[in-house]
């Protein structure tokens, strides 16, 4: 029998109404001071609540974990209260939402929080992040040389992930996604070019996956493994880095170590930036080692998602850019309606700003233009 993207699916203790997921996307609309979620953000997420699951934008777990200005945190009471507005708005539309827990590691600047970034090793990221310019405005600024984490820094970071997960549950989220992808802290520990440590968190593949496994296990112990997902991007590298030839083998070792924890899902981000394609043969290896739900994101279409679903290679399918300009993406897919395409100048509204390019896209949903109070 052919499977459908629009069928319900059980995800741990949560029943999703379909297999379509809104991918996590940084939009930098948090209120200042305090990097606090607000009414505009609640409206944005509520508009998209017909997704089977929404994954929030990256949410820093602490001040030192932050790498971009205007991103909403989840480590103060003010931020938790702000997120309650968001989760309440989504649940009122019968939606489900996970918080993506984020530590950027070395991809930060002292200009953002006044703190030196932390990383597996003291190796500077040749990158720019969104932060304060000398003239007081916001724009792209250079990263800062990070501090190599000592063992107490590592333990504090694990604890910060646990506290953030508990805060997310207090804020009304249905679960959390641990961000282990795209060159951020956990991904840095896994890659040879960012991790030159000679202790139990560096060197061998077993050591380089240790922090990711430790964080997943600690968060699962704290809130329940059925409420915890993990995002990784083993075949995506920064544009200035060569692909790490260890990553295919390391990923299989990671999945073997994670399988007994029985996470809610594994989220593979692929087909963006500097990437290598994943073969069907490798996907079958992933499936054989990891029998729990698998989510795919990156370059998907409805047809591709249907194909992967019916081949048994994945269970959930996350859409990013399409959800920016199609709040009712599920309804459009289900009704074979055309999708709104991003305008040429839309990128200028991705980060920061107001409702323009955020909550003003046309939709067939009756609540599209309503404010959430």
Protein backbone atom coordinates (compact mmCIF):
# COMPACT_ATOMS: atom_id res chain seq x y z
CA UNK A 1 0.00 0.00 0.00
CA UNK A 2 1.37 3.41 -0.98
CA UNK A 3 2.19 5.71 1.92
CA UNK A 4 1.09 9.36 1.90
CA UNK A 5 2.79 12.47 3.27
CA UNK A 6 -0.60 13.50 4.59
CA UNK A 7 -1.14 10.47 6.82
CA UNK A 8 -0.66 10.83 10.59
CA UNK A 9 2.57 9.51 12.13
CA UNK A 10 3.46 8.67 15.71
CA UNK A 11 6.61 10.41 16.93
CA UNK A 12 7.41 9.09 20.39
CA UNK A 13 4.53 10.19 22.62
CA UNK A 14 3.33 12.78 20.08
CA UNK A 15 0.95 12.11 17.20
CA UNK A 16 1.69 14.28 14.15
CA UNK A 17 -1.11 14.95 11.68
CA UNK A 18 1.20 14.52 8.67
CA UNK A 19 4.82 13.81 7.68
CA UNK A 20 5.57 17.43 6.69
CA UNK A 21 7.85 19.47 8.94
CA UNK A 22 8.68 23.15 9.07
CA UNK A 23 12.49 23.23 9.19
CA UNK A 24 14.35 25.39 11.72
CA UNK A 25 15.21 28.78 10.22
CA UNK A 26 16.92 31.74 11.84
CA UNK A 27 14.77 34.86 11.35
CA UNK A 28 16.23 37.25 14.00
CA UNK A 29 12.97 38.85 15.16
CA UNK A 30 13.43 38.57 18.95
CA UNK A 31 12.68 41.64 21.07
CA UNK A 32 15.43 43.68 22.68
CA UNK A 33 16.69 43.90 25.30
CA UNK A 34 16.69 40.28 26.37
CA UNK A 35 16.48 38.35 23.05
CA UNK A 36 12.87 37.51 23.91
CA UNK A 37 10.20 35.83 21.70
CA UNK A 38 7.29 38.16 21.02
CA UNK A 39 3.77 38.45 19.59
CA UNK A 40 5.03 38.80 16.01
CA UNK A 41 6.91 35.51 16.35
CA UNK A 42 3.81 33.85 17.80
CA UNK A 43 1.82 34.94 14.75
CA UNK A 44 4.54 33.64 12.39
CA UNK A 45 4.62 30.17 13.93
CA UNK A 46 0.83 29.94 14.33
CA UNK A 47 0.39 30.66 10.61
CA UNK A 48 2.40 27.51 9.87
CA UNK A 49 0.80 25.20 12.44
CA UNK A 50 -0.74 22.86 9.86
CA UNK A 51 2.71 21.30 9.51
CA UNK A 52 2.89 17.92 11.20
CA UNK A 53 5.73 19.38 13.26
CA UNK A 54 7.34 22.82 13.56
CA UNK A 55 10.98 23.00 14.62
CA UNK A 56 11.76 26.42 16.05
CA UNK A 57 14.58 28.62 14.87
CA UNK A 58 17.91 27.96 16.56
CA UNK A 59 17.54 28.89 20.24
CA UNK A 60 20.78 29.62 22.15
CA UNK A 61 21.04 27.63 25.37
CA UNK A 62 23.17 30.25 27.14
CA UNK A 63 24.79 33.62 26.56
CA UNK A 64 28.10 32.08 25.48
CA UNK A 65 26.21 29.74 23.10
CA UNK A 66 24.89 32.71 21.12
CA UNK A 67 26.46 33.55 17.77
CA UNK A 68 23.93 35.92 16.17
CA UNK A 69 22.12 39.00 17.39
CA UNK A 70 18.31 39.05 17.73
CA UNK A 71 17.99 35.27 18.07
CA UNK A 72 15.60 34.21 20.87
CA UNK A 73 17.23 32.41 23.78
CA UNK A 74 15.79 29.93 26.25
CA UNK A 75 17.91 30.56 29.35
CA UNK A 76 16.06 33.38 31.14
CA UNK A 77 12.59 33.56 32.68
CA UNK A 78 11.71 36.41 30.29
CA UNK A 79 12.62 34.22 27.29
CA UNK A 80 10.65 31.25 28.64
CA UNK A 81 7.59 33.48 29.09
CA UNK A 82 7.99 34.74 25.52
CA UNK A 83 8.18 31.22 24.14
CA UNK A 84 4.96 30.34 26.01
CA UNK A 85 3.17 32.81 23.73
CA UNK A 86 4.54 30.95 20.72
CA UNK A 87 3.73 27.43 21.89
CA UNK A 88 0.26 28.49 23.02
CA UNK A 89 -0.44 30.03 19.61
CA UNK A 90 0.73 26.88 17.81
CA UNK A 91 -1.24 24.55 20.09
CA UNK A 92 -4.37 26.66 19.61
CA UNK A 93 -4.09 25.78 15.90
CA UNK A 94 -3.68 22.09 16.81
CA UNK A 95 0.02 22.17 15.89
CA UNK A 96 3.11 20.58 17.45
CA UNK A 97 6.41 22.36 18.00
CA UNK A 98 9.92 21.37 19.12
CA UNK A 99 12.56 23.89 20.24
CA UNK A 100 15.91 23.65 18.49
CA UNK A 101 18.63 23.90 21.16
CA UNK A 102 21.67 25.70 19.79
CA UNK A 103 25.29 26.24 20.78
CA UNK A 104 27.29 27.90 18.00
CA UNK A 105 30.74 27.14 19.46
CA UNK A 106 33.45 29.05 17.61
CA UNK A 107 31.02 30.70 15.17
CA UNK A 108 30.59 33.82 17.30
CA UNK A 109 32.16 37.14 18.25
CA UNK A 110 32.94 38.81 21.58
CA UNK A 111 30.97 41.79 20.22
CA UNK A 112 27.67 39.90 20.60
CA UNK A 113 27.62 39.04 24.32
CA UNK A 114 31.04 40.24 25.47
CA UNK A 115 32.15 36.62 25.93
CA UNK A 116 34.94 34.71 24.22
CA UNK A 117 33.47 31.92 22.07
CA UNK A 118 34.08 28.31 23.12
CA UNK A 119 35.24 25.54 20.80
CA UNK A 120 36.85 22.09 20.89
CA UNK A 121 40.17 23.71 19.92
CA UNK A 122 41.50 27.25 19.65
CA UNK A 123 41.03 27.42 15.88
CA UNK A 124 39.35 30.50 14.46
CA UNK A 125 36.42 30.10 12.09
CA UNK A 126 37.12 32.16 8.91
CA UNK A 127 33.51 33.27 8.86
CA UNK A 128 31.20 36.17 9.59
CA UNK A 129 28.16 36.29 11.87
CA UNK A 130 25.23 38.70 12.35
CA UNK A 131 26.10 41.18 15.10
CA UNK A 132 26.69 44.81 16.11
CA UNK A 133 28.70 47.01 13.75
CA UNK A 134 30.92 49.85 15.05
CA UNK A 135 28.22 52.38 14.06
CA UNK A 136 25.66 50.66 16.31
CA UNK A 137 23.72 49.02 13.49
CA UNK A 138 23.58 45.27 12.85
CA UNK A 139 25.40 43.49 10.06
CA UNK A 140 27.97 40.83 9.30
CA UNK A 141 31.04 40.88 11.58
CA UNK A 142 34.15 38.70 11.85
CA UNK A 143 34.27 35.83 14.29
CA UNK A 144 36.63 35.91 17.29
CA UNK A 145 39.40 33.47 18.21
CA UNK A 146 37.72 30.90 20.50
CA UNK A 147 38.89 29.40 23.76
CA UNK A 148 39.65 25.67 23.67
CA UNK A 149 37.15 24.14 26.09
CA UNK A 150 38.52 22.42 29.18
CA UNK A 151 36.65 19.53 30.81
CA UNK A 152 34.73 21.86 33.12
CA UNK A 153 33.58 23.90 30.09
CA UNK A 154 32.39 20.70 28.46
CA UNK A 155 30.46 19.58 31.54
CA UNK A 156 28.93 23.04 31.91
CA UNK A 157 27.82 22.88 28.28
CA UNK A 158 26.15 19.49 28.77
CA UNK A 159 24.39 20.95 31.81
CA UNK A 160 23.32 24.00 29.78
CA UNK A 161 21.69 21.72 27.18
CA UNK A 162 19.81 19.90 29.98
CA UNK A 163 18.63 23.15 31.60
CA UNK A 164 17.54 24.51 28.22
CA UNK A 165 15.58 21.32 27.50
CA UNK A 166 13.80 21.58 30.83
CA UNK A 167 13.11 25.26 30.13
CA UNK A 168 11.64 24.30 26.75
CA UNK A 169 9.24 21.91 28.41
CA UNK A 170 8.28 24.62 30.91
CA UNK A 171 7.64 26.92 27.95
CA UNK A 172 5.15 24.43 26.50
CA UNK A 173 7.20 22.85 23.71
CA UNK A 174 6.33 19.28 22.71
CA UNK A 175 10.01 18.37 22.61
CA UNK A 176 13.46 19.61 21.61
CA UNK A 177 15.88 19.18 18.74
CA UNK A 178 19.59 19.24 19.57
CA UNK A 179 21.48 21.18 16.89
CA UNK A 180 24.48 19.07 15.92
CA UNK A 181 24.78 20.33 12.35
CA UNK A 182 26.18 23.09 10.09
CA UNK A 183 29.52 23.75 11.73
CA UNK A 184 28.19 24.60 15.19
CA UNK A 185 29.61 23.26 18.46
CA UNK A 186 28.70 19.56 18.34
CA UNK A 187 29.56 19.39 14.64
CA UNK A 188 32.91 21.06 15.42
CA UNK A 189 33.75 18.31 17.89
CA UNK A 190 33.04 15.68 15.24
CA UNK A 191 35.25 17.15 12.50
CA UNK A 192 39.02 16.75 12.31
CA UNK A 193 39.66 20.25 10.98
CA UNK A 194 37.98 21.86 14.02
CA UNK A 195 38.98 19.36 16.71
CA UNK A 196 42.68 18.76 17.40
CA UNK A 197 42.22 17.65 21.02
CA UNK A 198 44.25 14.81 22.53
CA UNK A 199 41.88 13.94 25.41
CA UNK A 200 38.75 11.76 25.49
CA UNK A 201 36.89 14.28 23.28
CA UNK A 202 39.41 14.29 20.43
CA UNK A 203 41.43 12.08 18.14
CA UNK A 204 39.53 8.88 17.43
CA UNK A 205 36.06 8.71 15.95
CA UNK A 206 34.77 7.30 19.23
CA UNK A 207 36.14 10.33 21.05
CA UNK A 208 34.90 12.90 18.55
CA UNK A 209 31.30 11.68 18.77
CA UNK A 210 31.43 11.50 22.56
CA UNK A 211 30.06 15.00 23.29
CA UNK A 212 27.12 14.58 20.92
CA UNK A 213 26.22 11.25 22.51
CA UNK A 214 26.70 12.69 26.02
CA UNK A 215 24.40 15.62 25.28
CA UNK A 216 21.71 13.42 23.70
CA UNK A 217 21.81 10.97 26.61
CA UNK A 218 21.73 13.71 29.26
CA UNK A 219 18.81 15.54 27.62
CA UNK A 220 16.94 12.25 27.07
CA UNK A 221 17.42 11.38 30.74
CA UNK A 222 16.07 14.80 31.72
CA UNK A 223 12.90 15.05 29.61
CA UNK A 224 12.45 11.61 28.00
CA UNK A 225 14.10 10.29 24.87
CA UNK A 226 10.78 10.36 22.98
CA UNK A 227 10.86 14.16 23.22
CA UNK A 228 14.40 14.59 21.83
CA UNK A 229 15.58 14.84 18.22
CA UNK A 230 19.08 15.42 16.83
CA UNK A 231 20.05 17.32 13.69
CA UNK A 232 23.31 16.51 11.89
CA UNK A 233 24.79 17.45 8.50
CA UNK A 234 27.66 15.01 7.87
CA UNK A 235 27.80 15.63 4.12
CA UNK A 236 27.63 19.44 4.29
CA UNK A 237 30.79 21.48 4.89
CA UNK A 238 31.59 25.18 5.14
CA UNK A 239 32.50 26.70 1.80
CA UNK A 240 36.08 27.29 2.97
CA UNK A 241 36.65 23.72 4.22
CA UNK A 242 37.36 20.45 2.47
CA UNK A 243 34.99 17.60 3.25
CA UNK A 244 36.18 15.51 6.19
CA UNK A 245 36.75 12.01 4.76
CA UNK A 246 36.01 10.51 8.19
CA UNK A 247 32.41 11.75 8.24
CA UNK A 248 30.71 8.81 6.48
CA UNK A 249 32.32 6.33 8.89
CA UNK A 250 31.91 8.65 11.87
CA UNK A 251 28.20 9.11 11.13
CA UNK A 252 27.55 5.37 11.13
CA UNK A 253 29.44 5.06 14.42
CA UNK A 254 27.35 7.91 15.86
CA UNK A 255 24.08 6.29 14.80
CA UNK A 256 25.13 2.96 16.29
CA UNK A 257 25.87 4.70 19.59
CA UNK A 258 22.60 6.66 19.52
CA UNK A 259 20.26 3.83 18.51
CA UNK A 260 19.85 2.44 22.06
CA UNK A 261 18.78 5.89 23.33
CA UNK A 262 15.70 5.73 21.05
CA UNK A 263 15.49 9.42 20.21
CA UNK A 264 12.27 10.78 18.73
CA UNK A 265 14.04 11.25 15.40
CA UNK A 266 17.32 11.78 13.59
CA UNK A 267 17.30 14.86 11.33
CA UNK A 268 19.66 14.83 8.33
CA UNK A 269 20.31 18.23 6.77
CA UNK A 270 21.69 17.83 3.25
CA UNK A 271 21.94 19.26 -0.27
CA UNK A 272 22.79 22.82 0.76
CA UNK A 273 25.94 24.92 0.37
CA UNK A 274 29.10 22.87 -0.08
CA UNK A 275 27.66 19.35 -0.02
CA UNK A 276 28.24 15.82 -1.21
CA UNK A 277 25.21 13.79 -2.33
CA UNK A 278 24.08 10.83 -0.22
CA UNK A 279 23.67 7.62 -2.19
CA UNK A 280 20.79 5.20 -1.76
CA UNK A 281 23.34 2.58 -0.68
CA UNK A 282 24.49 4.80 2.17
CA UNK A 283 20.90 5.64 3.13
CA UNK A 284 20.22 1.92 3.46
CA UNK A 285 23.20 1.63 5.83
CA UNK A 286 21.76 4.46 7.91
CA UNK A 287 18.38 2.75 8.04
CA UNK A 288 19.88 -0.60 9.03
CA UNK A 289 21.83 0.96 11.91
CA UNK A 290 19.15 3.41 12.98
CA UNK A 291 15.65 1.85 13.06
CA UNK A 292 13.96 4.91 14.59
CA UNK A 293 12.30 7.82 12.72
CA UNK A 294 14.51 9.66 10.22
CA UNK A 295 13.85 13.20 8.97
CA UNK A 296 15.34 14.69 5.79
CA UNK A 297 15.79 18.37 4.92
CA UNK A 298 17.43 20.20 2.04
CA UNK A 299 16.37 20.56 -1.59
CA UNK A 300 13.19 18.55 -1.13
CA UNK A 301 10.11 18.65 -3.29
CA UNK A 302 6.80 16.97 -2.62
CA UNK A 303 7.67 14.34 -5.23
CA UNK A 304 11.09 13.58 -3.74
CA UNK A 305 9.63 13.33 -0.24
CA UNK A 306 6.99 10.89 -1.46
CA UNK A 307 9.70 8.83 -3.14
CA UNK A 308 11.88 8.62 -0.01
CA UNK A 309 8.83 7.79 2.13
CA UNK A 310 7.73 4.93 -0.08
CA UNK A 311 11.28 3.58 -0.44
CA UNK A 312 11.37 3.38 3.36
CA UNK A 313 14.44 5.62 3.58
CA UNK A 314 12.87 8.36 5.69
CA UNK A 315 9.73 9.16 7.66
CA UNK A 316 9.58 12.94 8.02
CA UNK A 317 10.40 15.71 5.53
CA UNK A 318 11.40 19.23 6.53
CA UNK A 319 10.89 22.21 4.23
CA UNK A 320 12.63 25.52 4.89
CA UNK A 321 12.48 28.20 2.18
CA UNK A 322 9.08 26.99 1.00
CA UNK A 323 7.69 27.66 4.48
CA UNK A 324 8.94 31.25 4.49
CA UNK A 325 6.56 32.27 1.71
CA UNK A 326 3.90 29.53 1.98
CA UNK A 327 2.45 29.50 5.50
CA UNK A 328 -0.17 26.99 4.31
CA UNK A 329 2.34 24.71 2.60
CA UNK A 330 0.51 21.52 3.61
CA UNK A 331 -2.80 22.72 2.16
CA UNK A 332 -1.12 23.83 -1.05
CA UNK A 333 0.62 20.47 -1.45
CA UNK A 334 -2.53 18.52 -0.63
CA UNK A 335 -4.62 20.57 -3.08
CA UNK A 336 -1.94 20.59 -5.80
CA UNK A 337 -1.97 24.39 -5.66
CA UNK A 338 0.99 26.42 -6.95
CA UNK A 339 3.51 27.59 -4.36
CA UNK A 340 4.36 31.23 -3.83
CA UNK A 341 7.94 31.84 -4.97
CA UNK A 342 10.37 34.12 -3.16
CA UNK A 343 10.82 37.52 -4.78
CA UNK A 344 14.30 38.52 -5.93
CA UNK A 345 14.70 40.92 -2.99
CA UNK A 346 13.22 38.58 -0.37
CA UNK A 347 16.59 37.71 1.14
CA UNK A 348 16.77 41.19 2.69
CA UNK A 349 13.80 40.25 4.91
CA UNK A 350 15.19 36.92 6.11
CA UNK A 351 17.01 38.34 9.15
CA UNK A 352 15.74 41.11 11.37
CA UNK A 353 13.01 43.62 10.59
CA UNK A 354 9.25 43.56 11.11
CA UNK A 355 6.29 41.74 9.59
CA UNK A 356 7.45 42.42 6.01
CA UNK A 357 8.61 39.15 4.50
CA UNK A 358 7.72 37.40 7.76
CA UNK A 359 3.99 37.27 8.48
CA UNK A 360 2.61 39.05 5.40
CA UNK A 361 2.72 36.21 2.86
CA UNK A 362 -0.67 35.25 1.34
CA UNK A 363 -2.36 32.16 2.67
CA UNK A 364 -5.67 30.37 2.40
CA UNK A 365 -5.84 30.03 6.21
CA UNK A 366 -8.42 32.34 7.82
CA UNK A 367 -6.05 33.33 10.63
CA UNK A 368 -3.18 34.38 8.35
CA UNK A 369 -3.30 38.10 8.98
CA UNK A 370 -4.45 38.00 12.59
CA UNK A 371 -2.18 39.03 15.43
CA UNK A 372 -1.70 36.62 18.30
CA UNK A 373 -2.29 38.19 21.70
